[in-house]
Amino acid sequence: MKTSRIFSIAALLSLATALPAMADTVSMTNTSIWPTDFIFVNIKYNGVNVGNEPAGAIAWNVNSAGTTPALYGQLDSKLVTYCIEIGQDVYVGSTDTWTVASLVGAPIATGGGGTLTPPDPVGGMSQSQANLIYTLAELYGPQYFPAHPASTNTAAMQLAIWEIIYGNGTYSYNATANTLTSNLFVATGTDATTNAVIAQSSVYLASAQASVISYPSGPGFESTGVVALTSLSIQDQVLAFMPTTPSVTGAPLPPVTLAGFSMMALFGLGFLSIRAKRA
């Protein structure tokens, strides 16, 4: 069973020294609960049925981080992410290592394109795509906790991220057919639960498009608190640092504060494979 990816969220004040640099690496163990941490949404790409992909926040334990002790000092031992690469997997219980990088140019599994379905964007995310994902993180970050179990909000956020990465910047929601489409990427609701995910994801995308926040195009992206975790061999993720905030809709934020910040990562998955499911 394959499961999902992860997305990054974060409303961050300036933390230039508190965030990881491009050359840093992060090693984490997947602690997601299968299948209750995910809602399965049917995905088609270019007319091909990709499958019922697991959408939700992915939970991790951080084992080590950074080329210097300073980076690990900024990451809590537990965090969550969202997937930014349906074509690759991560696995529940597995331990993997990623390179910390800018959202622009991620994911990097095949260097762009390749034989994955759906294919990675050639050259990775564009600046406009990174802007939208960063905006989602800024607008809705607090709603991504907790990771257990899956909720309409966490699954809808994951879907919104996929629509941004694999679409063309234009989103069409059909409430009658329960579909959310962006160019060749189509998500379809098949019951009341997935229909609600489709509808909420369309709200997230519309809000992001209405108030786009620019993501740094070069050095200094770390100061946003929203970064990509990239790897050539496993599913790429998104993670973010965010200020400690009160609970949202009655759900308390997990106890992950460090230097006054709650840490939250939002993209990726695998074993029982957590990825967009490829059975």
Protein backbone atom coordinates (compact mmCIF):
# COMPACT_ATOMS: atom_id res chain seq x y z
CA MET A 1 0.00 0.00 0.00
CA LYS A 2 1.38 3.24 -0.97
CA THR A 3 0.63 6.31 0.85
CA SER A 4 1.12 9.95 0.53
CA ARG A 5 3.36 12.98 0.43
CA ILE A 6 3.90 15.90 2.52
CA PHE A 7 3.53 19.59 2.34
CA SER A 8 5.24 22.38 4.27
CA ILE A 9 3.51 25.10 6.20
CA ALA A 10 4.57 28.08 8.18
CA ALA A 11 3.95 31.63 9.01
CA LEU A 12 7.48 32.65 9.88
CA LEU A 13 8.97 35.78 11.16
CA SER A 14 12.56 36.21 10.14
CA LEU A 15 14.69 33.29 11.29
CA ALA A 16 17.69 33.45 9.06
CA THR A 17 19.95 31.80 11.59
CA ALA A 18 17.33 29.47 12.94
CA LEU A 19 16.61 27.64 9.70
CA PRO A 20 18.53 24.99 7.80
CA ALA A 21 20.85 25.88 4.95
CA MET A 22 20.77 24.32 1.49
CA ALA A 23 23.62 21.88 2.13
CA ASP A 24 22.07 20.57 5.33
CA THR A 25 20.52 17.12 5.56
CA VAL A 26 17.77 15.71 7.75
CA SER A 27 17.34 12.05 8.76
CA MET A 28 13.84 11.01 9.89
CA THR A 29 11.83 7.88 10.71
CA ASN A 30 8.25 7.65 9.43
CA THR A 31 5.82 7.23 12.35
CA SER A 32 2.54 7.61 10.47
CA ILE A 33 -0.35 5.27 11.31
CA TRP A 34 -1.63 3.36 8.31
CA PRO A 35 -4.28 3.78 7.03
CA THR A 36 -6.02 6.05 9.58
CA ASP A 37 -3.72 9.05 8.97
CA PHE A 38 -4.91 9.31 5.36
CA ILE A 39 -8.00 9.82 3.24
CA PHE A 40 -7.77 8.11 -0.15
CA VAL A 41 -8.60 10.36 -3.11
CA ASN A 42 -8.88 9.12 -6.69
CA ILE A 43 -6.31 10.75 -8.98
CA LYS A 44 -6.06 10.70 -12.77
CA TYR A 45 -3.26 12.26 -14.81
CA ASN A 46 -3.51 12.78 -18.56
CA GLY A 47 -6.41 10.34 -18.65
CA VAL A 48 -4.48 7.61 -16.81
CA ASN A 49 -5.84 6.36 -13.48
CA VAL A 50 -3.02 6.91 -10.95
CA GLY A 51 -5.13 5.35 -8.19
CA ASN A 52 -6.63 6.16 -4.83
CA GLU A 53 -3.83 8.19 -3.32
CA PRO A 54 -3.41 8.61 0.45
CA ALA A 55 -3.78 12.29 1.33
CA GLY A 56 -2.90 13.68 4.75
CA ALA A 57 -0.08 14.93 6.96
CA ILE A 58 2.88 12.55 7.40
CA ALA A 59 4.34 12.11 10.90
CA TRP A 60 8.08 11.77 11.58
CA ASN A 61 10.68 11.40 14.31
CA VAL A 62 13.85 13.41 13.61
CA ASN A 63 17.02 11.36 14.14
CA SER A 64 19.67 13.86 13.07
CA ALA A 65 19.80 17.06 11.11
CA GLY A 66 22.39 19.31 9.57
CA THR A 67 26.06 19.38 8.94
CA THR A 68 26.48 21.35 12.16
CA PRO A 69 24.87 20.94 15.61
CA ALA A 70 23.04 24.25 15.09
CA LEU A 71 20.53 22.81 12.61
CA TYR A 72 19.44 19.95 14.82
CA GLY A 73 18.90 22.50 17.55
CA GLN A 74 16.17 24.09 15.44
CA LEU A 75 14.19 20.91 14.76
CA ASP A 76 11.90 19.29 17.27
CA SER A 77 12.19 15.52 17.65
CA LYS A 78 8.70 15.08 16.14
CA LEU A 79 7.21 16.82 13.12
CA VAL A 80 4.89 16.37 10.13
CA THR A 81 5.24 16.96 6.38
CA TYR A 82 3.26 16.87 3.13
CA CYS A 83 4.26 15.07 -0.06
CA ILE A 84 5.38 16.96 -3.15
CA GLU A 85 6.12 13.94 -5.31
CA ILE A 86 3.42 11.36 -6.05
CA GLY A 87 5.68 9.24 -8.26
CA GLN A 88 8.00 8.15 -5.44
CA ASP A 89 7.40 6.59 -2.02
CA VAL A 90 8.40 6.73 1.61
CA TYR A 91 7.51 3.92 4.02
CA VAL A 92 5.94 3.70 7.44
CA GLY A 93 8.66 2.64 9.85
CA SER A 94 11.51 3.41 7.46
CA THR A 95 14.35 5.85 8.10
CA ASP A 96 15.50 8.10 5.26
CA THR A 97 17.68 11.16 4.63
CA TRP A 98 16.86 14.31 2.65
CA THR A 99 18.74 17.42 1.56
CA VAL A 100 17.23 20.74 2.66
CA ALA A 101 16.50 22.91 -0.40
CA SER A 102 14.39 25.71 -1.80
CA LEU A 103 10.83 24.97 -2.95
CA VAL A 104 11.86 26.38 -6.34
CA GLY A 105 13.34 23.48 -8.31
CA ALA A 106 11.84 20.73 -6.11
CA PRO A 107 10.99 17.87 -6.42
CA ILE A 108 14.15 16.41 -7.93
CA ALA A 109 13.63 12.63 -8.09
CA THR A 110 14.26 12.34 -11.80
CA GLY A 111 15.53 15.82 -12.47
CA GLY A 112 12.12 16.66 -13.90
CA GLY A 113 9.92 14.74 -16.29
CA GLY A 114 11.02 11.11 -16.49
CA THR A 115 8.78 8.06 -16.36
CA LEU A 116 6.98 8.73 -13.08
CA THR A 117 3.19 9.09 -13.15
CA PRO A 118 2.39 11.86 -12.76
CA PRO A 119 5.81 13.10 -13.95
CA ASP A 120 7.82 15.54 -11.86
CA PRO A 121 7.68 19.08 -13.24
CA VAL A 122 10.61 19.53 -15.63
CA GLY A 123 13.23 21.44 -13.68
CA GLY A 124 11.10 21.18 -10.54
CA MET A 125 8.62 23.74 -9.25
CA SER A 126 8.48 27.13 -10.90
CA GLN A 127 8.61 30.37 -8.95
CA SER A 128 4.83 30.79 -9.26
CA GLN A 129 4.19 27.29 -7.95
CA ALA A 130 6.52 27.87 -4.99
CA ASN A 131 4.71 31.14 -4.28
CA LEU A 132 1.36 29.34 -4.02
CA ILE A 133 2.63 26.61 -1.73
CA TYR A 134 4.32 29.18 0.48
CA THR A 135 1.08 31.15 0.56
CA LEU A 136 -0.87 28.06 1.65
CA ALA A 137 1.63 27.57 4.47
CA GLU A 138 1.27 31.15 5.58
CA LEU A 139 -2.51 31.17 5.42
CA TYR A 140 -3.39 27.77 6.82
CA GLY A 141 -0.40 26.33 8.65
CA PRO A 142 -2.01 25.95 12.08
CA GLN A 143 -4.75 23.72 10.67
CA TYR A 144 -2.34 20.98 9.70
CA PHE A 145 -2.01 19.56 13.21
CA PRO A 146 -2.45 16.99 14.47
CA ALA A 147 -1.38 14.29 11.98
CA HIS A 148 -3.39 11.54 13.72
CA PRO A 149 -5.94 10.73 12.44
CA ALA A 150 -6.53 12.18 8.98
CA SER A 151 -8.95 15.10 8.71
CA THR A 152 -10.68 16.92 5.87
CA ASN A 153 -8.21 19.80 6.37
CA THR A 154 -5.01 17.73 6.22
CA ALA A 155 -6.18 15.71 3.22
CA ALA A 156 -7.40 18.86 1.43
CA MET A 157 -4.08 20.60 2.01
CA GLN A 158 -2.21 17.66 0.54
CA LEU A 159 -4.50 17.66 -2.49
CA ALA A 160 -4.07 21.41 -2.98
CA ILE A 161 -0.30 20.94 -3.03
CA TRP A 162 -0.56 18.21 -5.66
CA GLU A 163 -2.87 20.36 -7.79
CA ILE A 164 -0.28 23.15 -7.69
CA ILE A 165 2.69 20.93 -8.53
CA TYR A 166 1.07 18.83 -11.27
CA GLY A 167 -1.35 21.41 -12.67
CA ASN A 168 -0.96 24.55 -14.75
CA GLY A 169 -2.03 27.26 -12.31
CA THR A 170 -5.72 27.19 -13.24
CA TYR A 171 -8.12 25.23 -11.02
CA SER A 172 -11.66 24.12 -11.81
CA TYR A 173 -13.98 22.75 -9.13
CA ASN A 174 -17.13 20.93 -10.25
CA ALA A 175 -19.44 20.50 -7.25
CA THR A 176 -21.83 18.29 -9.22
CA ALA A 177 -19.19 15.85 -10.45
CA ASN A 178 -17.08 16.31 -7.29
CA THR A 179 -13.91 16.93 -9.27
CA LEU A 180 -11.00 19.33 -8.87
CA THR A 181 -9.02 19.77 -12.08
CA SER A 182 -5.85 21.57 -13.09
CA ASN A 183 -4.87 20.86 -16.69
CA LEU A 184 -4.03 17.10 -16.86
CA PHE A 185 -4.39 16.51 -13.11
CA VAL A 186 -7.88 15.47 -11.93
CA ALA A 187 -8.99 14.53 -8.39
CA THR A 188 -12.43 12.96 -7.98
CA GLY A 189 -14.54 12.48 -4.87
CA THR A 190 -16.24 9.10 -4.59
CA ASP A 191 -18.15 9.43 -1.30
CA ALA A 192 -19.14 12.04 1.29
CA THR A 193 -15.67 12.03 2.89
CA THR A 194 -13.67 12.53 -0.31
CA ASN A 195 -16.25 14.97 -1.69
CA ALA A 196 -15.62 17.16 1.37
CA VAL A 197 -11.86 16.95 0.76
CA ILE A 198 -12.30 18.05 -2.87
CA ALA A 199 -14.49 20.98 -1.85
CA GLN A 200 -12.14 22.16 0.93
CA SER A 201 -9.10 21.87 -1.30
CA SER A 202 -10.78 24.18 -3.84
CA VAL A 203 -11.26 26.72 -1.04
CA TYR A 204 -7.58 26.56 -0.12
CA LEU A 205 -6.49 27.05 -3.73
CA ALA A 206 -8.84 29.98 -4.29
CA SER A 207 -7.62 31.68 -1.13
CA ALA A 208 -3.97 31.22 -2.10
CA GLN A 209 -4.56 32.63 -5.58
CA ALA A 210 -6.34 35.64 -4.10
CA SER A 211 -3.43 36.63 -1.87
CA VAL A 212 -0.16 35.31 -3.32
CA ILE A 213 2.91 35.79 -1.13
CA SER A 214 6.26 35.74 -2.94
CA TYR A 215 8.77 33.05 -2.02
CA PRO A 216 12.48 34.05 -2.23
CA SER A 217 13.91 33.12 -5.63
CA GLY A 218 17.46 32.57 -4.42
CA PRO A 219 19.61 32.51 -1.30
CA GLY A 220 17.69 33.36 1.82
CA PHE A 221 14.74 31.03 1.23
CA GLU A 222 15.43 29.48 4.65
CA SER A 223 14.31 32.69 6.32
CA THR A 224 10.73 31.96 5.23
CA GLY A 225 10.57 28.88 7.42
CA VAL A 226 9.24 26.84 4.47
CA VAL A 227 11.68 24.47 2.76
CA ALA A 228 11.72 21.35 0.61
CA LEU A 229 13.32 18.06 1.63
CA THR A 230 14.73 16.49 -1.54
CA SER A 231 16.17 13.13 -2.55
CA LEU A 232 16.87 11.31 -5.82
CA SER A 233 15.70 7.98 -4.39
CA ILE A 234 12.73 8.69 -2.12
CA GLN A 235 9.69 10.93 -2.06
CA ASP A 236 10.37 14.65 -1.65
CA GLN A 237 8.65 16.54 1.17
CA VAL A 238 7.93 20.04 2.39
CA LEU A 239 8.52 21.24 5.92
CA ALA A 240 8.17 24.49 7.79
CA PHE A 241 8.86 26.28 11.03
CA MET A 242 6.04 28.32 12.46
CA PRO A 243 5.35 30.47 15.50
CA THR A 244 3.58 28.79 18.39
CA THR A 245 -0.14 29.47 17.93
CA PRO A 246 -3.34 28.65 19.84
CA SER A 247 -5.33 25.56 18.88
CA VAL A 248 -7.48 25.66 15.75
CA THR A 249 -11.08 24.40 15.80
CA GLY A 250 -10.49 22.86 19.20
CA ALA A 251 -7.60 20.63 18.13
CA PRO A 252 -4.48 21.35 20.23
CA LEU A 253 -1.17 21.77 18.46
CA PRO A 254 1.30 19.00 19.26
CA PRO A 255 3.99 19.76 21.85
CA VAL A 256 6.73 20.63 19.36
CA THR A 257 8.21 23.92 20.42
CA LEU A 258 11.82 24.91 20.23
CA ALA A 259 13.27 28.34 20.78
CA GLY A 260 9.70 29.57 20.93
CA PHE A 261 8.62 27.90 17.71
CA SER A 262 6.43 24.96 16.75
CA MET A 263 7.90 22.94 13.96
CA MET A 264 5.84 21.58 11.18
CA ALA A 265 6.74 19.79 8.02
CA LEU A 266 4.19 19.05 5.36
CA PHE A 267 5.15 16.90 2.31
CA GLY A 268 5.83 13.24 1.56
CA LEU A 269 5.23 9.49 2.43
CA GLY A 270 5.72 5.69 1.98
CA PHE A 271 6.05 1.81 3.34
CA LEU A 272 3.11 0.27 3.55
CA SER A 273 4.35 2.71 1.13
CA ILE A 274 3.27 6.18 2.02
CA ARG A 275 3.09 7.94 -1.25
CA ALA A 276 0.36 8.79 -3.52
CA LYS A 277 -0.69 5.27 -3.56
CA ARG A 278 0.54 3.08 -6.27
CA ALA A 279 -0.77 -0.34 -5.47
